[in-house]
Amino acid sequence: MRKPRIEKVVLNFGVGASGEPLVKAETLAKTLTGMKPARTYAKGTNKDFRIRKGEPIACKVTLRGEKAEEILRKALAARDN
C-alpha cells in the first residue's frame, strides 16, 4: 500500500475587502509562512458586498515540500490533533 504524500498546502485569507484588513491579512500570512503572499482579485461585481470586479479581496500562500509539512504539523499541533 502506498503512503499518502503532501504535494502542497495553500493558505487562503479571504478578507472580502481591500485596504487595511487585506494588509493585516498579508502581514499575518508573511509572519506565519515567511513568504510573500499573492493577492487574489474579485472575478465579478457584487453590490451586496460592495465589491467591484478586479478589486483585491484576499491573499494566499502556496507551500510545497518541507515547508508545507512544517506548517501543517504546526497547524495540527495548535488544534491538538
N, C-alpha and C. Protein backbone atom coordinates (compact mmCIF):
# COMPACT_ATOMS: atom_id res chain seq x y z
N MET A 1 0.84 -1.18 0.00
CA MET A 1 0.00 0.00 0.00
C MET A 1 0.89 1.25 0.00
N ARG A 2 0.51 2.23 -0.79
CA ARG A 2 1.31 3.46 -0.90
C ARG A 2 1.00 4.40 0.26
N LYS A 3 2.03 5.15 0.64
CA LYS A 3 1.86 6.15 1.69
C LYS A 3 1.28 7.42 1.09
N PRO A 4 0.41 8.09 1.81
CA PRO A 4 -0.06 9.39 1.32
C PRO A 4 1.07 10.41 1.42
N ARG A 5 1.10 11.33 0.46
CA ARG A 5 2.13 12.36 0.49
C ARG A 5 1.48 13.72 0.30
N ILE A 6 2.14 14.73 0.78
CA ILE A 6 1.63 16.09 0.69
C ILE A 6 2.28 16.76 -0.51
N GLU A 7 1.47 17.17 -1.46
CA GLU A 7 2.00 17.86 -2.63
C GLU A 7 2.14 19.34 -2.36
N LYS A 8 1.08 19.94 -1.78
CA LYS A 8 1.13 21.36 -1.46
C LYS A 8 0.09 21.70 -0.41
N VAL A 9 0.33 22.83 0.25
CA VAL A 9 -0.60 23.38 1.23
C VAL A 9 -0.84 24.82 0.82
N VAL A 10 -2.11 25.20 0.67
CA VAL A 10 -2.46 26.57 0.29
C VAL A 10 -3.18 27.22 1.45
N LEU A 11 -2.62 28.34 1.92
CA LEU A 11 -3.26 29.14 2.97
C LEU A 11 -3.94 30.31 2.28
N ASN A 12 -5.27 30.34 2.36
CA ASN A 12 -6.05 31.39 1.71
C ASN A 12 -6.69 32.26 2.78
N PHE A 13 -6.44 33.56 2.71
CA PHE A 13 -7.01 34.51 3.65
C PHE A 13 -8.06 35.32 2.91
N GLY A 14 -9.31 34.91 2.96
CA GLY A 14 -10.41 35.61 2.29
C GLY A 14 -10.94 36.73 3.17
N VAL A 15 -10.56 37.95 2.87
CA VAL A 15 -10.94 39.10 3.68
C VAL A 15 -12.25 39.69 3.19
N GLY A 16 -12.43 39.75 1.89
CA GLY A 16 -13.66 40.30 1.32
C GLY A 16 -13.64 41.80 1.18
N ALA A 17 -12.51 42.43 1.43
CA ALA A 17 -12.40 43.89 1.30
C ALA A 17 -10.94 44.25 1.07
N SER A 18 -10.72 45.36 0.40
CA SER A 18 -9.35 45.83 0.22
C SER A 18 -9.04 46.83 1.32
N GLY A 19 -7.83 47.33 1.33
CA GLY A 19 -7.45 48.32 2.33
C GLY A 19 -6.79 47.70 3.54
N GLU A 20 -7.06 48.26 4.70
CA GLU A 20 -6.38 47.84 5.93
C GLU A 20 -6.60 46.37 6.29
N PRO A 21 -7.83 45.81 6.18
CA PRO A 21 -8.00 44.39 6.51
C PRO A 21 -7.14 43.47 5.63
N LEU A 22 -7.00 43.81 4.36
CA LEU A 22 -6.19 43.00 3.46
C LEU A 22 -4.71 43.11 3.82
N VAL A 23 -4.26 44.29 4.17
CA VAL A 23 -2.86 44.49 4.57
C VAL A 23 -2.56 43.69 5.84
N LYS A 24 -3.49 43.67 6.78
CA LYS A 24 -3.32 42.88 8.01
C LYS A 24 -3.24 41.38 7.69
N ALA A 25 -4.08 40.92 6.77
CA ALA A 25 -4.06 39.51 6.38
C ALA A 25 -2.74 39.16 5.71
N GLU A 26 -2.22 40.06 4.86
CA GLU A 26 -0.93 39.82 4.21
C GLU A 26 0.20 39.77 5.23
N THR A 27 0.14 40.64 6.23
CA THR A 27 1.16 40.64 7.28
C THR A 27 1.11 39.34 8.07
N LEU A 28 -0.09 38.87 8.37
CA LEU A 28 -0.26 37.61 9.09
C LEU A 28 0.27 36.43 8.27
N ALA A 29 -0.04 36.41 6.98
CA ALA A 29 0.43 35.33 6.11
C ALA A 29 1.95 35.32 6.05
N LYS A 30 2.56 36.48 5.94
CA LYS A 30 4.02 36.57 5.88
C LYS A 30 4.64 36.13 7.20
N THR A 31 4.02 36.49 8.32
CA THR A 31 4.52 36.11 9.63
C THR A 31 4.45 34.59 9.83
N LEU A 32 3.35 33.99 9.41
CA LEU A 32 3.16 32.54 9.60
C LEU A 32 4.06 31.71 8.70
N THR A 33 4.27 32.16 7.46
CA THR A 33 4.96 31.33 6.49
C THR A 33 6.36 31.80 6.14
N GLY A 34 6.64 33.08 6.32
CA GLY A 34 7.93 33.62 5.91
C GLY A 34 8.01 33.88 4.42
N MET A 35 6.89 33.78 3.73
CA MET A 35 6.84 34.01 2.29
C MET A 35 5.89 35.15 1.98
N LYS A 36 6.11 35.81 0.85
CA LYS A 36 5.25 36.91 0.45
C LYS A 36 3.96 36.36 -0.15
N PRO A 37 2.80 36.78 0.36
CA PRO A 37 1.53 36.28 -0.18
C PRO A 37 1.18 36.93 -1.52
N ALA A 38 0.42 36.20 -2.31
CA ALA A 38 -0.08 36.72 -3.58
C ALA A 38 -1.51 37.19 -3.38
N ARG A 39 -1.83 38.35 -3.93
CA ARG A 39 -3.20 38.88 -3.83
C ARG A 39 -4.10 38.17 -4.83
N THR A 40 -5.36 38.00 -4.44
CA THR A 40 -6.37 37.49 -5.36
C THR A 40 -7.43 38.57 -5.54
N TYR A 41 -7.99 38.61 -6.72
CA TYR A 41 -8.88 39.70 -7.10
C TYR A 41 -10.29 39.19 -7.37
N ALA A 42 -11.27 40.06 -7.18
CA ALA A 42 -12.67 39.71 -7.39
C ALA A 42 -12.91 39.41 -8.87
N LYS A 43 -13.62 38.34 -9.15
CA LYS A 43 -13.92 37.98 -10.54
C LYS A 43 -15.08 38.77 -11.10
N GLY A 44 -15.96 39.22 -10.22
CA GLY A 44 -17.13 39.97 -10.67
C GLY A 44 -17.57 40.97 -9.63
N THR A 45 -18.49 41.83 -10.01
CA THR A 45 -19.01 42.84 -9.10
C THR A 45 -20.15 42.26 -8.28
N ASN A 46 -20.17 42.58 -6.98
CA ASN A 46 -21.25 42.17 -6.09
C ASN A 46 -21.65 43.38 -5.27
N LYS A 47 -22.79 43.97 -5.59
CA LYS A 47 -23.23 45.19 -4.92
C LYS A 47 -23.60 44.95 -3.46
N ASP A 48 -24.09 43.76 -3.14
CA ASP A 48 -24.47 43.46 -1.76
C ASP A 48 -23.25 43.51 -0.83
N PHE A 49 -22.11 43.05 -1.31
CA PHE A 49 -20.89 43.03 -0.51
C PHE A 49 -19.98 44.23 -0.80
N ARG A 50 -20.42 45.12 -1.68
CA ARG A 50 -19.65 46.31 -2.08
C ARG A 50 -18.28 45.94 -2.64
N ILE A 51 -18.29 44.97 -3.56
CA ILE A 51 -17.06 44.51 -4.20
C ILE A 51 -17.15 44.79 -5.69
N ARG A 52 -16.09 45.36 -6.23
CA ARG A 52 -16.03 45.62 -7.67
C ARG A 52 -15.11 44.61 -8.35
N LYS A 53 -15.37 44.37 -9.61
CA LYS A 53 -14.54 43.45 -10.39
C LYS A 53 -13.11 43.97 -10.43
N GLY A 54 -12.16 43.08 -10.18
CA GLY A 54 -10.76 43.44 -10.21
C GLY A 54 -10.21 44.00 -8.90
N GLU A 55 -11.06 44.15 -7.90
CA GLU A 55 -10.62 44.70 -6.61
C GLU A 55 -9.92 43.59 -5.80
N PRO A 56 -8.77 43.88 -5.18
CA PRO A 56 -8.12 42.85 -4.36
C PRO A 56 -8.95 42.57 -3.10
N ILE A 57 -9.29 41.30 -2.88
CA ILE A 57 -10.16 40.96 -1.74
C ILE A 57 -9.59 39.84 -0.87
N ALA A 58 -8.47 39.24 -1.27
CA ALA A 58 -7.90 38.14 -0.50
C ALA A 58 -6.42 37.99 -0.83
N CYS A 59 -5.76 37.14 -0.06
CA CYS A 59 -4.37 36.80 -0.37
C CYS A 59 -4.17 35.32 -0.07
N LYS A 60 -3.16 34.74 -0.70
CA LYS A 60 -2.90 33.32 -0.49
C LYS A 60 -1.41 33.04 -0.60
N VAL A 61 -0.99 31.95 0.05
CA VAL A 61 0.39 31.50 0.02
C VAL A 61 0.35 30.01 -0.28
N THR A 62 1.11 29.57 -1.28
CA THR A 62 1.21 28.16 -1.62
C THR A 62 2.54 27.63 -1.12
N LEU A 63 2.50 26.58 -0.33
CA LEU A 63 3.70 25.99 0.24
C LEU A 63 3.87 24.58 -0.30
N ARG A 64 5.10 24.22 -0.61
CA ARG A 64 5.40 22.88 -1.12
C ARG A 64 6.58 22.30 -0.36
N GLY A 65 6.71 20.98 -0.41
CA GLY A 65 7.86 20.32 0.19
C GLY A 65 7.87 20.35 1.70
N GLU A 66 9.09 20.52 2.26
CA GLU A 66 9.25 20.50 3.71
C GLU A 66 8.49 21.64 4.40
N LYS A 67 8.46 22.80 3.76
CA LYS A 67 7.76 23.95 4.35
C LYS A 67 6.27 23.63 4.51
N ALA A 68 5.68 22.94 3.54
CA ALA A 68 4.27 22.56 3.62
C ALA A 68 4.03 21.61 4.79
N GLU A 69 4.91 20.63 4.94
CA GLU A 69 4.77 19.67 6.04
C GLU A 69 4.95 20.36 7.39
N GLU A 70 5.90 21.28 7.47
CA GLU A 70 6.15 22.00 8.72
C GLU A 70 4.93 22.83 9.14
N ILE A 71 4.36 23.58 8.22
CA ILE A 71 3.19 24.40 8.52
C ILE A 71 2.00 23.52 8.91
N LEU A 72 1.82 22.42 8.21
CA LEU A 72 0.72 21.51 8.51
C LEU A 72 0.87 20.90 9.91
N ARG A 73 2.09 20.52 10.27
CA ARG A 73 2.33 19.99 11.62
C ARG A 73 2.03 21.03 12.69
N LYS A 74 2.47 22.28 12.45
CA LYS A 74 2.21 23.35 13.41
C LYS A 74 0.71 23.61 13.56
N ALA A 75 0.00 23.60 12.44
CA ALA A 75 -1.45 23.86 12.48
C ALA A 75 -2.18 22.74 13.22
N LEU A 76 -1.80 21.50 12.96
CA LEU A 76 -2.46 20.38 13.63
C LEU A 76 -2.09 20.33 15.11
N ALA A 77 -0.87 20.71 15.46
CA ALA A 77 -0.46 20.75 16.87
C ALA A 77 -1.23 21.83 17.62
N ALA A 78 -1.50 22.94 16.95
CA ALA A 78 -2.26 24.02 17.58
C ALA A 78 -3.69 23.58 17.87
N ARG A 79 -4.22 22.65 17.06
CA ARG A 79 -5.58 22.13 17.26
C ARG A 79 -5.58 20.85 18.08
N ASP A 80 -4.43 20.42 18.59
CA ASP A 80 -4.29 19.19 19.38
C ASP A 80 -4.76 17.96 18.61
N ASN A 81 -4.35 17.84 17.35
CA ASN A 81 -4.70 16.67 16.53
C ASN A 81 -3.46 15.89 16.18
